[in-house]
Amino acid sequence: MDSEDEGDQEYLFKVVIIGDSAVGKSNLLSRYARNEFNMHSKATIGVEFQTQSMDIDGKEVKAQIWDTAGQERFRAVTSAYYRGAVGALIVYDISRRSTFESVGRWLDELNSHSDTTVVRMLVGNKCDLENIRDVSVEEGKNLAETEGLFFIETSALDSVNVKKAFEIVIREIYDNVSRKVLNSDSYKAELSVNRVNLVNNGDEASKQNWSKYSCCSK
């Protein structure tokens, strides 16, 4: 592959946001995409997405970020929602333990509908509610470490770590693609206009690098 051809390629990665209803998924996306926060936002009906661009190593990388409702009645969109995703943010509300306890179920669903190479980040949202915190930072870190996830605590309200959360995921996807695909003979087969698939082989060194934690207290 000529380097000049490589520079003309478009990178478009699909990232999904999952988690229980009312954990702040839509506000995380609106804060990142438009720097907006709606205190009275209603539950998402169906699916919404925003496309954001960032520059990585001099290349324009676009992320199509999908947000859908966490309620059971919208589960019919599941398979289509996850199809083609190469990144996922699994969100819980630090002030509602039940949403943290649901993380395992969301991970199971993600694993059953997507490739194992999806970059996954556990997000403890609403860290501005420290006075009514129901899930400790340590619990979040421990779960992330056990499951091999990135971990970060965010506040869509105060705009804490929101940009950082999305950019860590997008950067990791790009790094995986650069390392495993761009230098391989299967480059053209893996790269399409709509998205870049990650190859299936796990990279132990990469997994070890996933122990990156950021919290509101930092």
N, C-alpha and C. Protein backbone atom coordinates (compact mmCIF):
# COMPACT_ATOMS: atom_id res chain seq x y z
N MET A 1 0.85 -1.20 0.00
CA MET A 1 0.00 0.00 0.00
C MET A 1 0.88 1.24 0.00
N ASP A 2 0.73 2.10 -0.96
CA ASP A 2 1.54 3.31 -0.99
C ASP A 2 1.12 4.26 0.11
N SER A 3 2.09 4.95 0.67
CA SER A 3 1.79 5.88 1.76
C SER A 3 0.88 7.00 1.28
N GLU A 4 1.02 7.38 0.00
CA GLU A 4 0.18 8.47 -0.50
C GLU A 4 -1.27 8.01 -0.60
N ASP A 5 -1.48 6.71 -0.89
CA ASP A 5 -2.84 6.18 -0.93
C ASP A 5 -3.42 6.14 0.47
N GLU A 6 -2.57 5.76 1.42
CA GLU A 6 -3.02 5.65 2.80
C GLU A 6 -3.56 6.99 3.30
N GLY A 7 -2.93 8.08 2.90
CA GLY A 7 -3.34 9.39 3.37
C GLY A 7 -4.71 9.79 2.87
N ASP A 8 -5.17 9.15 1.77
CA ASP A 8 -6.47 9.49 1.22
C ASP A 8 -7.61 8.71 1.86
N GLN A 9 -7.29 7.75 2.70
CA GLN A 9 -8.32 6.90 3.27
C GLN A 9 -9.14 7.66 4.31
N GLU A 10 -10.40 7.31 4.38
CA GLU A 10 -11.28 7.89 5.39
C GLU A 10 -11.47 6.89 6.51
N TYR A 11 -11.28 7.34 7.74
CA TYR A 11 -11.47 6.47 8.89
C TYR A 11 -12.80 6.85 9.54
N LEU A 12 -13.72 5.90 9.58
CA LEU A 12 -15.01 6.15 10.22
C LEU A 12 -15.31 4.97 11.14
N PHE A 13 -15.24 5.21 12.43
CA PHE A 13 -15.42 4.17 13.43
C PHE A 13 -16.79 4.30 14.10
N LYS A 14 -17.46 3.20 14.26
CA LYS A 14 -18.75 3.20 14.95
C LYS A 14 -18.53 2.89 16.43
N VAL A 15 -19.04 3.78 17.28
CA VAL A 15 -18.93 3.61 18.73
C VAL A 15 -20.34 3.64 19.32
N VAL A 16 -20.65 2.71 20.20
CA VAL A 16 -21.98 2.67 20.81
C VAL A 16 -21.89 3.03 22.30
N ILE A 17 -22.97 3.63 22.80
CA ILE A 17 -23.08 3.95 24.22
C ILE A 17 -24.20 3.09 24.78
N ILE A 18 -23.89 2.28 25.80
CA ILE A 18 -24.89 1.39 26.37
C ILE A 18 -24.95 1.56 27.88
N GLY A 19 -26.03 1.07 28.47
CA GLY A 19 -26.23 1.20 29.91
C GLY A 19 -27.70 1.38 30.20
N ASP A 20 -28.05 1.31 31.47
CA ASP A 20 -29.44 1.44 31.88
C ASP A 20 -30.01 2.81 31.53
N SER A 21 -31.33 2.90 31.54
CA SER A 21 -32.01 4.16 31.29
C SER A 21 -31.64 5.19 32.36
N ALA A 22 -31.52 6.45 31.94
CA ALA A 22 -31.31 7.59 32.84
C ALA A 22 -29.95 7.62 33.52
N VAL A 23 -28.95 6.94 32.94
CA VAL A 23 -27.59 7.06 33.49
C VAL A 23 -26.85 8.25 32.88
N GLY A 24 -27.47 8.87 31.87
CA GLY A 24 -26.87 10.05 31.27
C GLY A 24 -26.21 9.82 29.93
N LYS A 25 -26.57 8.75 29.23
CA LYS A 25 -25.94 8.43 27.95
C LYS A 25 -26.12 9.57 26.94
N SER A 26 -27.35 10.04 26.81
CA SER A 26 -27.63 11.08 25.82
C SER A 26 -26.93 12.38 26.15
N ASN A 27 -26.86 12.72 27.42
CA ASN A 27 -26.17 13.95 27.80
C ASN A 27 -24.66 13.84 27.65
N LEU A 28 -24.11 12.64 27.83
CA LEU A 28 -22.68 12.45 27.54
C LEU A 28 -22.41 12.73 26.07
N LEU A 29 -23.27 12.21 25.21
CA LEU A 29 -23.08 12.41 23.77
C LEU A 29 -23.29 13.87 23.39
N SER A 30 -24.33 14.51 23.91
CA SER A 30 -24.59 15.90 23.55
C SER A 30 -23.50 16.83 24.10
N ARG A 31 -22.96 16.48 25.28
CA ARG A 31 -21.86 17.29 25.83
C ARG A 31 -20.62 17.16 24.96
N TYR A 32 -20.34 15.95 24.50
CA TYR A 32 -19.16 15.74 23.67
C TYR A 32 -19.34 16.33 22.27
N ALA A 33 -20.49 16.09 21.67
CA ALA A 33 -20.70 16.47 20.27
C ALA A 33 -21.04 17.96 20.11
N ARG A 34 -21.81 18.52 21.06
CA ARG A 34 -22.28 19.89 20.89
C ARG A 34 -22.00 20.78 22.09
N ASN A 35 -21.32 20.22 23.11
CA ASN A 35 -21.08 20.94 24.35
C ASN A 35 -22.38 21.45 24.95
N GLU A 36 -23.40 20.59 24.92
CA GLU A 36 -24.71 20.94 25.48
C GLU A 36 -25.09 19.94 26.57
N PHE A 37 -25.89 20.42 27.52
CA PHE A 37 -26.43 19.56 28.56
C PHE A 37 -27.87 19.97 28.80
N ASN A 38 -28.77 18.99 28.79
CA ASN A 38 -30.19 19.26 29.01
C ASN A 38 -30.61 18.63 30.32
N MET A 39 -30.85 19.47 31.33
CA MET A 39 -31.24 18.97 32.64
C MET A 39 -32.55 18.20 32.60
N HIS A 40 -33.38 18.51 31.61
CA HIS A 40 -34.70 17.88 31.53
C HIS A 40 -34.83 16.99 30.31
N SER A 41 -33.72 16.39 29.89
CA SER A 41 -33.77 15.53 28.71
C SER A 41 -34.66 14.32 28.97
N LYS A 42 -35.39 13.94 27.93
CA LYS A 42 -36.30 12.80 28.03
C LYS A 42 -35.58 11.54 27.56
N ALA A 43 -36.14 10.40 27.93
CA ALA A 43 -35.55 9.13 27.53
C ALA A 43 -35.48 9.05 26.01
N THR A 44 -34.35 8.54 25.53
CA THR A 44 -34.17 8.38 24.08
C THR A 44 -35.15 7.34 23.55
N ILE A 45 -35.80 7.68 22.47
CA ILE A 45 -36.71 6.73 21.83
C ILE A 45 -36.04 6.23 20.56
N GLY A 46 -35.78 4.94 20.50
CA GLY A 46 -35.09 4.40 19.33
C GLY A 46 -33.61 4.68 19.38
N VAL A 47 -33.05 5.16 18.26
CA VAL A 47 -31.60 5.34 18.15
C VAL A 47 -31.29 6.74 17.62
N GLU A 48 -30.27 7.36 18.19
CA GLU A 48 -29.75 8.63 17.68
C GLU A 48 -28.24 8.48 17.53
N PHE A 49 -27.65 9.22 16.60
CA PHE A 49 -26.19 9.20 16.54
C PHE A 49 -25.65 10.54 16.10
N GLN A 50 -24.40 10.79 16.48
CA GLN A 50 -23.68 12.00 16.12
C GLN A 50 -22.35 11.57 15.52
N THR A 51 -21.86 12.31 14.55
CA THR A 51 -20.54 12.03 13.98
C THR A 51 -19.58 13.14 14.39
N GLN A 52 -18.47 12.74 15.01
CA GLN A 52 -17.46 13.67 15.46
C GLN A 52 -16.13 13.36 14.79
N SER A 53 -15.35 14.38 14.52
CA SER A 53 -14.04 14.19 13.90
C SER A 53 -12.93 14.61 14.85
N MET A 54 -11.82 13.92 14.79
CA MET A 54 -10.63 14.34 15.52
C MET A 54 -9.40 14.02 14.69
N ASP A 55 -8.35 14.77 14.92
CA ASP A 55 -7.12 14.58 14.19
C ASP A 55 -6.19 13.67 14.98
N ILE A 56 -5.76 12.58 14.35
CA ILE A 56 -4.81 11.67 14.98
C ILE A 56 -3.67 11.43 14.00
N ASP A 57 -2.47 11.76 14.43
CA ASP A 57 -1.28 11.57 13.58
C ASP A 57 -1.45 12.23 12.22
N GLY A 58 -2.09 13.38 12.19
CA GLY A 58 -2.26 14.10 10.94
C GLY A 58 -3.36 13.57 10.05
N LYS A 59 -4.12 12.60 10.53
CA LYS A 59 -5.21 12.03 9.74
C LYS A 59 -6.56 12.39 10.39
N GLU A 60 -7.56 12.61 9.55
CA GLU A 60 -8.90 12.89 10.08
C GLU A 60 -9.59 11.57 10.40
N VAL A 61 -9.95 11.41 11.64
CA VAL A 61 -10.63 10.20 12.09
C VAL A 61 -12.02 10.59 12.56
N LYS A 62 -13.03 9.96 12.00
CA LYS A 62 -14.41 10.27 12.37
C LYS A 62 -14.99 9.13 13.21
N ALA A 63 -15.74 9.51 14.22
CA ALA A 63 -16.43 8.52 15.04
C ALA A 63 -17.93 8.77 14.92
N GLN A 64 -18.63 7.74 14.53
CA GLN A 64 -20.09 7.80 14.49
C GLN A 64 -20.58 7.18 15.80
N ILE A 65 -21.07 8.03 16.70
CA ILE A 65 -21.39 7.60 18.06
C ILE A 65 -22.90 7.41 18.19
N TRP A 66 -23.28 6.18 18.53
CA TRP A 66 -24.69 5.81 18.60
C TRP A 66 -25.18 5.76 20.04
N ASP A 67 -26.36 6.31 20.25
CA ASP A 67 -27.00 6.31 21.56
C ASP A 67 -28.39 5.72 21.41
N THR A 68 -28.74 4.79 22.28
CA THR A 68 -30.08 4.23 22.23
C THR A 68 -30.64 4.10 23.63
N ALA A 69 -31.92 3.84 23.71
CA ALA A 69 -32.60 3.75 25.00
C ALA A 69 -32.15 2.52 25.78
N GLY A 70 -32.10 2.65 27.11
CA GLY A 70 -31.70 1.52 27.95
C GLY A 70 -32.87 0.66 28.39
N GLN A 71 -34.10 1.11 28.11
CA GLN A 71 -35.25 0.35 28.57
C GLN A 71 -35.41 -0.95 27.81
N GLU A 72 -35.94 -1.94 28.49
CA GLU A 72 -36.12 -3.27 27.90
C GLU A 72 -36.99 -3.22 26.65
N ARG A 73 -37.95 -2.33 26.59
CA ARG A 73 -38.89 -2.36 25.46
C ARG A 73 -38.25 -1.99 24.13
N PHE A 74 -37.04 -1.46 24.18
CA PHE A 74 -36.37 -1.10 22.93
C PHE A 74 -35.31 -2.12 22.53
N ARG A 75 -35.33 -3.30 23.13
CA ARG A 75 -34.32 -4.31 22.84
C ARG A 75 -34.39 -4.83 21.40
N ALA A 76 -35.47 -4.54 20.70
CA ALA A 76 -35.60 -5.04 19.33
C ALA A 76 -34.52 -4.47 18.42
N VAL A 77 -33.93 -3.33 18.80
CA VAL A 77 -32.92 -2.73 17.93
C VAL A 77 -31.53 -3.31 18.17
N THR A 78 -31.43 -4.24 19.10
CA THR A 78 -30.12 -4.70 19.58
C THR A 78 -29.14 -5.09 18.50
N SER A 79 -29.47 -6.07 17.67
CA SER A 79 -28.48 -6.59 16.73
C SER A 79 -28.02 -5.53 15.75
N ALA A 80 -28.94 -4.72 15.24
CA ALA A 80 -28.57 -3.66 14.30
C ALA A 80 -27.75 -2.59 14.98
N TYR A 81 -28.06 -2.33 16.24
CA TYR A 81 -27.36 -1.28 16.99
C TYR A 81 -25.88 -1.61 17.15
N TYR A 82 -25.59 -2.87 17.46
CA TYR A 82 -24.21 -3.27 17.70
C TYR A 82 -23.43 -3.58 16.42
N ARG A 83 -24.13 -3.81 15.32
CA ARG A 83 -23.46 -4.27 14.10
C ARG A 83 -22.41 -3.26 13.63
N GLY A 84 -21.19 -3.74 13.46
CA GLY A 84 -20.12 -2.89 12.96
C GLY A 84 -19.43 -2.03 14.01
N ALA A 85 -19.87 -2.13 15.27
CA ALA A 85 -19.26 -1.30 16.31
C ALA A 85 -17.84 -1.76 16.61
N VAL A 86 -16.93 -0.81 16.74
CA VAL A 86 -15.55 -1.14 17.10
C VAL A 86 -15.16 -0.49 18.44
N GLY A 87 -16.12 0.20 19.05
CA GLY A 87 -15.89 0.80 20.36
C GLY A 87 -17.19 0.88 21.13
N ALA A 88 -17.12 0.83 22.47
CA ALA A 88 -18.32 0.90 23.29
C ALA A 88 -18.02 1.56 24.63
N LEU A 89 -18.93 2.43 25.05
CA LEU A 89 -18.89 3.00 26.39
C LEU A 89 -20.04 2.38 27.18
N ILE A 90 -19.71 1.70 28.28
CA ILE A 90 -20.72 1.10 29.14
C ILE A 90 -20.88 2.02 30.34
N VAL A 91 -22.05 2.65 30.44
CA VAL A 91 -22.25 3.74 31.38
C VAL A 91 -23.13 3.32 32.55
N TYR A 92 -22.73 3.73 33.76
CA TYR A 92 -23.59 3.60 34.93
C TYR A 92 -23.61 4.92 35.68
N ASP A 93 -24.53 5.05 36.59
CA ASP A 93 -24.71 6.26 37.39
C ASP A 93 -24.11 5.99 38.77
N ILE A 94 -23.10 6.76 39.18
CA ILE A 94 -22.42 6.48 40.45
C ILE A 94 -23.33 6.63 41.66
N SER A 95 -24.49 7.27 41.47
CA SER A 95 -25.42 7.46 42.58
C SER A 95 -26.52 6.41 42.63
N ARG A 96 -26.50 5.46 41.69
CA ARG A 96 -27.53 4.40 41.64
C ARG A 96 -26.84 3.05 41.45
N ARG A 97 -26.72 2.32 42.53
CA ARG A 97 -26.00 1.05 42.50
C ARG A 97 -26.61 0.06 41.51
N SER A 98 -27.90 0.10 41.34
CA SER A 98 -28.56 -0.85 40.44
C SER A 98 -28.03 -0.72 39.02
N THR A 99 -27.65 0.49 38.62
CA THR A 99 -27.13 0.68 37.26
C THR A 99 -25.72 0.10 37.13
N PHE A 100 -24.98 0.10 38.23
CA PHE A 100 -23.64 -0.51 38.25
C PHE A 100 -23.77 -2.03 38.21
N GLU A 101 -24.75 -2.55 38.92
CA GLU A 101 -24.97 -4.00 38.94
C GLU A 101 -25.44 -4.52 37.59
N SER A 102 -25.95 -3.64 36.73
CA SER A 102 -26.40 -4.04 35.40
C SER A 102 -25.26 -4.12 34.39
N VAL A 103 -24.08 -3.64 34.77
CA VAL A 103 -22.96 -3.58 33.82
C VAL A 103 -22.65 -4.96 33.25
N GLY A 104 -22.66 -5.98 34.11
CA GLY A 104 -22.37 -7.34 33.65
C GLY A 104 -23.31 -7.79 32.54
N ARG A 105 -24.59 -7.45 32.69
CA ARG A 105 -25.57 -7.82 31.66
C ARG A 105 -25.30 -7.09 30.36
N TRP A 106 -24.94 -5.81 30.47
CA TRP A 106 -24.62 -5.06 29.25
C TRP A 106 -23.37 -5.60 28.57
N LEU A 107 -22.39 -5.99 29.35
CA LEU A 107 -21.18 -6.58 28.77
C LEU A 107 -21.50 -7.89 28.07
N ASP A 108 -22.37 -8.70 28.68
CA ASP A 108 -22.77 -9.97 28.06
C ASP A 108 -23.44 -9.70 26.71
N GLU A 109 -24.31 -8.69 26.69
CA GLU A 109 -25.01 -8.36 25.45
C GLU A 109 -24.03 -7.86 24.39
N LEU A 110 -23.10 -7.01 24.81
CA LEU A 110 -22.10 -6.50 23.89
C LEU A 110 -21.27 -7.64 23.32
N ASN A 111 -20.84 -8.54 24.18
CA ASN A 111 -20.02 -9.66 23.73
C ASN A 111 -20.75 -10.59 22.78
N SER A 112 -22.07 -10.72 22.97
CA SER A 112 -22.83 -11.64 22.13
C SER A 112 -23.19 -11.04 20.77
N HIS A 113 -23.11 -9.74 20.66
CA HIS A 113 -23.52 -9.09 19.41
C HIS A 113 -22.38 -8.38 18.68
N SER A 114 -21.17 -8.43 19.22
CA SER A 114 -20.08 -7.72 18.56
C SER A 114 -18.79 -8.53 18.67
N ASP A 115 -17.78 -8.09 17.96
CA ASP A 115 -16.50 -8.75 17.95
C ASP A 115 -15.80 -8.55 19.29
N THR A 116 -15.02 -9.53 19.68
CA THR A 116 -14.31 -9.44 20.97
C THR A 116 -13.25 -8.35 20.98
N THR A 117 -12.88 -7.83 19.81
CA THR A 117 -11.85 -6.80 19.76
C THR A 117 -12.41 -5.39 19.95
N VAL A 118 -13.70 -5.26 20.20
CA VAL A 118 -14.28 -3.94 20.44
C VAL A 118 -13.58 -3.28 21.63
N VAL A 119 -13.18 -2.03 21.46
CA VAL A 119 -12.56 -1.26 22.56
C VAL A 119 -13.67 -0.87 23.53
N ARG A 120 -13.52 -1.25 24.79
CA ARG A 120 -14.59 -1.06 25.77
C ARG A 120 -14.13 -0.18 26.93
N MET A 121 -14.96 0.76 27.29
CA MET A 121 -14.66 1.64 28.42
C MET A 121 -15.83 1.65 29.39
N LEU A 122 -15.54 1.45 30.67
CA LEU A 122 -16.54 1.56 31.72
C LEU A 122 -16.57 3.01 32.18
N VAL A 123 -17.77 3.60 32.18
CA VAL A 123 -17.92 5.02 32.52
C VAL A 123 -18.85 5.19 33.72
N GLY A 124 -18.30 5.71 34.80
CA GLY A 124 -19.13 6.05 35.97
C GLY A 124 -19.55 7.50 35.82
N ASN A 125 -20.77 7.73 35.37
CA ASN A 125 -21.23 9.10 35.11
C ASN A 125 -21.87 9.72 36.35
N LYS A 126 -22.04 11.02 36.28
CA LYS A 126 -22.66 11.84 37.34
C LYS A 126 -21.77 11.93 38.58
N CYS A 127 -20.46 12.05 38.37
CA CYS A 127 -19.58 12.16 39.53
C CYS A 127 -19.70 13.50 40.22
N ASP A 128 -20.54 14.39 39.67
CA ASP A 128 -20.87 15.63 40.39
C ASP A 128 -21.77 15.34 41.59
N LEU A 129 -22.36 14.14 41.63
CA LEU A 129 -23.25 13.75 42.74
C LEU A 129 -22.47 13.03 43.84
N GLU A 130 -21.31 13.53 44.15
CA GLU A 130 -20.43 12.90 45.13
C GLU A 130 -21.12 12.74 46.49
N ASN A 131 -21.98 13.68 46.84
CA ASN A 131 -22.63 13.65 48.15
C ASN A 131 -23.63 12.51 48.29
N ILE A 132 -24.07 11.95 47.17
CA ILE A 132 -24.98 10.79 47.24
C ILE A 132 -24.39 9.60 46.48
N ARG A 133 -23.06 9.55 46.40
CA ARG A 133 -22.38 8.45 45.71
C ARG A 133 -22.80 7.11 46.30
N ASP A 134 -23.12 6.15 45.42
CA ASP A 134 -23.53 4.82 45.85
C ASP A 134 -22.57 3.74 45.36
N VAL A 135 -21.64 4.12 44.48
CA VAL A 135 -20.64 3.19 43.94
C VAL A 135 -19.28 3.86 44.07
N SER A 136 -18.36 3.24 44.78
CA SER A 136 -17.06 3.85 45.01
C SER A 136 -16.19 3.79 43.76
N VAL A 137 -15.20 4.68 43.72
CA VAL A 137 -14.24 4.68 42.61
C VAL A 137 -13.54 3.33 42.55
N GLU A 138 -13.17 2.79 43.70
CA GLU A 138 -12.47 1.51 43.74
C GLU A 138 -13.29 0.39 43.14
N GLU A 139 -14.59 0.38 43.39
CA GLU A 139 -15.45 -0.66 42.81
C GLU A 139 -15.45 -0.56 41.29
N GLY A 140 -15.51 0.65 40.79
CA GLY A 140 -15.47 0.83 39.34
C GLY A 140 -14.15 0.36 38.76
N LYS A 141 -13.05 0.75 39.40
CA LYS A 141 -11.72 0.35 38.94
C LYS A 141 -11.58 -1.17 38.96
N ASN A 142 -12.03 -1.78 40.05
CA ASN A 142 -11.88 -3.24 40.19
C ASN A 142 -12.65 -3.99 39.12
N LEU A 143 -13.87 -3.53 38.84
CA LEU A 143 -14.67 -4.19 37.81
C LEU A 143 -14.00 -4.03 36.45
N ALA A 144 -13.51 -2.82 36.18
CA ALA A 144 -12.84 -2.57 34.90
C ALA A 144 -11.61 -3.45 34.75
N GLU A 145 -10.85 -3.57 35.83
CA GLU A 145 -9.64 -4.39 35.78
C GLU A 145 -9.98 -5.86 35.55
N THR A 146 -11.02 -6.32 36.21
CA THR A 146 -11.45 -7.71 36.06
C THR A 146 -11.89 -8.02 34.64
N GLU A 147 -12.62 -7.06 34.04
CA GLU A 147 -13.19 -7.28 32.71
C GLU A 147 -12.28 -6.81 31.57
N GLY A 148 -11.12 -6.21 31.90
CA GLY A 148 -10.21 -5.72 30.86
C GLY A 148 -10.72 -4.48 30.16
N LEU A 149 -11.30 -3.56 30.93
CA LEU A 149 -11.87 -2.35 30.36
C LEU A 149 -11.06 -1.12 30.74
N PHE A 150 -11.15 -0.08 29.92
CA PHE A 150 -10.74 1.22 30.39
C PHE A 150 -11.74 1.64 31.46
N PHE A 151 -11.36 2.57 32.33
CA PHE A 151 -12.31 3.09 33.32
C PHE A 151 -12.12 4.59 33.48
N ILE A 152 -13.24 5.29 33.57
CA ILE A 152 -13.19 6.74 33.79
C ILE A 152 -14.48 7.16 34.48
N GLU A 153 -14.40 8.17 35.32
CA GLU A 153 -15.60 8.77 35.89
C GLU A 153 -15.80 10.12 35.22
N THR A 154 -17.06 10.42 34.91
CA THR A 154 -17.39 11.63 34.15
C THR A 154 -18.53 12.39 34.81
N SER A 155 -18.67 13.63 34.39
CA SER A 155 -19.86 14.42 34.71
C SER A 155 -20.27 15.14 33.45
N ALA A 156 -21.37 14.69 32.86
CA ALA A 156 -21.88 15.39 31.68
C ALA A 156 -22.35 16.78 32.09
N LEU A 157 -22.84 16.93 33.31
CA LEU A 157 -23.31 18.22 33.82
C LEU A 157 -22.16 19.22 33.90
N ASP A 158 -21.07 18.82 34.51
CA ASP A 158 -19.92 19.71 34.70
C ASP A 158 -18.87 19.60 33.61
N SER A 159 -19.11 18.76 32.62
CA SER A 159 -18.18 18.54 31.50
C SER A 159 -16.82 18.01 31.97
N VAL A 160 -16.84 17.15 32.96
CA VAL A 160 -15.62 16.56 33.50
C VAL A 160 -15.33 15.23 32.80
N ASN A 161 -14.17 15.14 32.17
CA ASN A 161 -13.67 13.90 31.56
C ASN A 161 -14.50 13.39 30.38
N VAL A 162 -15.49 14.14 29.93
CA VAL A 162 -16.36 13.64 28.85
C VAL A 162 -15.57 13.53 27.54
N LYS A 163 -14.92 14.61 27.15
CA LYS A 163 -14.11 14.58 25.92
C LYS A 163 -13.02 13.53 26.03
N LYS A 164 -12.41 13.46 27.19
CA LYS A 164 -11.32 12.51 27.41
C LYS A 164 -11.80 11.07 27.23
N ALA A 165 -12.99 10.76 27.73
CA ALA A 165 -13.52 9.39 27.63
C ALA A 165 -13.66 8.96 26.17
N PHE A 166 -14.31 9.80 25.37
CA PHE A 166 -14.51 9.46 23.97
C PHE A 166 -13.19 9.40 23.22
N GLU A 167 -12.30 10.34 23.51
CA GLU A 167 -11.04 10.39 22.76
C GLU A 167 -10.12 9.22 23.09
N ILE A 168 -10.16 8.73 24.33
CA ILE A 168 -9.37 7.54 24.67
C ILE A 168 -9.84 6.35 23.85
N VAL A 169 -11.16 6.18 23.76
CA VAL A 169 -11.72 5.06 23.00
C VAL A 169 -11.37 5.17 21.52
N ILE A 170 -11.57 6.37 20.95
CA ILE A 170 -11.30 6.56 19.52
C ILE A 170 -9.82 6.37 19.22
N ARG A 171 -8.96 6.91 20.07
CA ARG A 171 -7.51 6.75 19.88
C ARG A 171 -7.11 5.28 19.95
N GLU A 172 -7.68 4.53 20.88
CA GLU A 172 -7.33 3.11 21.01
C GLU A 172 -7.78 2.32 19.79
N ILE A 173 -8.96 2.65 19.26
CA ILE A 173 -9.43 1.99 18.04
C ILE A 173 -8.44 2.28 16.90
N TYR A 174 -8.09 3.54 16.77
CA TYR A 174 -7.15 3.92 15.71
C TYR A 174 -5.81 3.21 15.87
N ASP A 175 -5.31 3.16 17.09
CA ASP A 175 -4.04 2.49 17.33
C ASP A 175 -4.12 1.00 16.99
N ASN A 176 -5.23 0.37 17.35
CA ASN A 176 -5.42 -1.04 17.03
C ASN A 176 -5.43 -1.26 15.52
N VAL A 177 -6.16 -0.40 14.84
CA VAL A 177 -6.24 -0.50 13.38
C VAL A 177 -4.87 -0.28 12.75
N SER A 178 -4.16 0.74 13.21
CA SER A 178 -2.84 1.04 12.65
C SER A 178 -1.88 -0.12 12.87
N ARG A 179 -1.94 -0.71 14.06
CA ARG A 179 -1.01 -1.77 14.42
C ARG A 179 -1.35 -3.08 13.71
N LYS A 180 -2.62 -3.40 13.63
CA LYS A 180 -3.01 -4.73 13.17
C LYS A 180 -3.47 -4.78 11.72
N VAL A 181 -3.90 -3.64 11.18
CA VAL A 181 -4.48 -3.67 9.85
C VAL A 181 -3.66 -2.93 8.81
N LEU A 182 -3.24 -1.73 9.11
CA LEU A 182 -2.60 -0.92 8.08
C LEU A 182 -1.32 -1.55 7.55
N ASN A 183 -0.64 -2.33 8.39
CA ASN A 183 0.61 -2.95 7.94
C ASN A 183 0.41 -4.39 7.46
N SER A 184 -0.83 -4.83 7.35
CA SER A 184 -1.09 -6.22 6.97
C SER A 184 -1.50 -6.31 5.51
N ASP A 185 -1.40 -7.52 4.97
CA ASP A 185 -1.79 -7.75 3.58
C ASP A 185 -3.30 -7.65 3.39
N SER A 186 -4.04 -7.77 4.51
CA SER A 186 -5.50 -7.76 4.41
C SER A 186 -6.07 -6.35 4.54
N TYR A 187 -5.21 -5.34 4.41
CA TYR A 187 -5.65 -3.95 4.60
C TYR A 187 -6.89 -3.61 3.79
N LYS A 188 -6.83 -3.85 2.46
CA LYS A 188 -7.95 -3.45 1.62
C LYS A 188 -9.23 -4.21 1.97
N ALA A 189 -9.08 -5.45 2.41
CA ALA A 189 -10.25 -6.24 2.77
C ALA A 189 -10.89 -5.73 4.06
N GLU A 190 -10.04 -5.20 4.96
CA GLU A 190 -10.55 -4.76 6.26
C GLU A 190 -11.08 -3.34 6.25
N LEU A 191 -10.61 -2.51 5.33
CA LEU A 191 -10.98 -1.10 5.33
C LEU A 191 -12.11 -0.85 4.34
N SER A 192 -13.18 -0.25 4.80
CA SER A 192 -14.29 0.10 3.92
C SER A 192 -14.63 1.57 4.14
N VAL A 193 -15.49 2.09 3.30
CA VAL A 193 -15.88 3.50 3.42
C VAL A 193 -16.62 3.73 4.73
N ASN A 194 -17.39 2.73 5.16
CA ASN A 194 -18.24 2.92 6.33
C ASN A 194 -17.54 2.71 7.66
N ARG A 195 -16.60 1.79 7.71
CA ARG A 195 -15.96 1.52 9.00
C ARG A 195 -14.70 0.71 8.78
N VAL A 196 -13.90 0.60 9.79
CA VAL A 196 -12.73 -0.26 9.77
C VAL A 196 -12.96 -1.37 10.78
N ASN A 197 -12.86 -2.61 10.34
CA ASN A 197 -12.99 -3.74 11.26
C ASN A 197 -11.64 -4.03 11.89
N LEU A 198 -11.66 -4.42 13.13
CA LEU A 198 -10.43 -4.84 13.77
C LEU A 198 -10.25 -6.33 13.53
N VAL A 199 -9.01 -6.76 13.37
CA VAL A 199 -8.78 -8.19 13.22
C VAL A 199 -9.02 -8.88 14.56
N ASN A 200 -9.24 -10.18 14.53
CA ASN A 200 -9.69 -10.89 15.72
C ASN A 200 -8.60 -11.18 16.73
N ASN A 201 -7.35 -11.19 16.29
CA ASN A 201 -6.29 -11.61 17.21
C ASN A 201 -6.11 -10.62 18.34
N GLY A 202 -6.18 -11.10 19.58
CA GLY A 202 -5.96 -10.23 20.73
C GLY A 202 -4.48 -9.95 20.89
N ASP A 203 -4.16 -8.80 21.37
CA ASP A 203 -2.78 -8.41 21.60
C ASP A 203 -2.59 -8.22 23.09
N GLU A 204 -1.84 -9.12 23.72
CA GLU A 204 -1.72 -9.09 25.18
C GLU A 204 -1.12 -7.78 25.67
N ALA A 205 -0.15 -7.27 24.91
CA ALA A 205 0.47 -6.00 25.33
C ALA A 205 -0.57 -4.89 25.32
N SER A 206 -1.45 -4.95 24.29
CA SER A 206 -2.48 -3.92 24.21
C SER A 206 -3.43 -4.03 25.39
N LYS A 207 -3.81 -5.26 25.74
CA LYS A 207 -4.72 -5.45 26.85
C LYS A 207 -4.13 -4.92 28.15
N GLN A 208 -2.84 -5.10 28.32
CA GLN A 208 -2.19 -4.63 29.53
C GLN A 208 -2.22 -3.10 29.59
N ASN A 209 -2.25 -2.47 28.43
CA ASN A 209 -2.28 -1.02 28.40
C ASN A 209 -3.65 -0.46 28.73
N TRP A 210 -4.62 -1.33 28.93
CA TRP A 210 -5.98 -0.87 29.18
C TRP A 210 -6.21 -0.48 30.64
N SER A 211 -5.19 -0.54 31.45
CA SER A 211 -5.38 -0.19 32.85
C SER A 211 -5.18 1.31 33.05
N LYS A 212 -5.98 2.09 32.30
CA LYS A 212 -5.91 3.53 32.40
C LYS A 212 -7.18 4.01 33.12
N TYR A 213 -7.01 4.68 34.23
CA TYR A 213 -8.14 5.09 35.03
C TYR A 213 -8.13 6.59 35.23
N SER A 214 -9.28 7.20 35.10
CA SER A 214 -9.41 8.62 35.37
C SER A 214 -10.68 8.85 36.17
N CYS A 215 -10.58 9.64 37.20
CA CYS A 215 -11.74 9.89 38.06
C CYS A 215 -11.90 11.39 38.30
N CYS A 216 -13.06 11.74 38.77
CA CYS A 216 -13.35 13.16 39.00
C CYS A 216 -12.40 13.76 40.01
N SER A 217 -11.93 12.96 40.93
CA SER A 217 -11.11 13.49 42.02
C SER A 217 -9.73 13.92 41.55
N LYS A 218 -9.34 13.46 40.33
CA LYS A 218 -8.01 13.79 39.83
C LYS A 218 -7.99 15.15 39.14
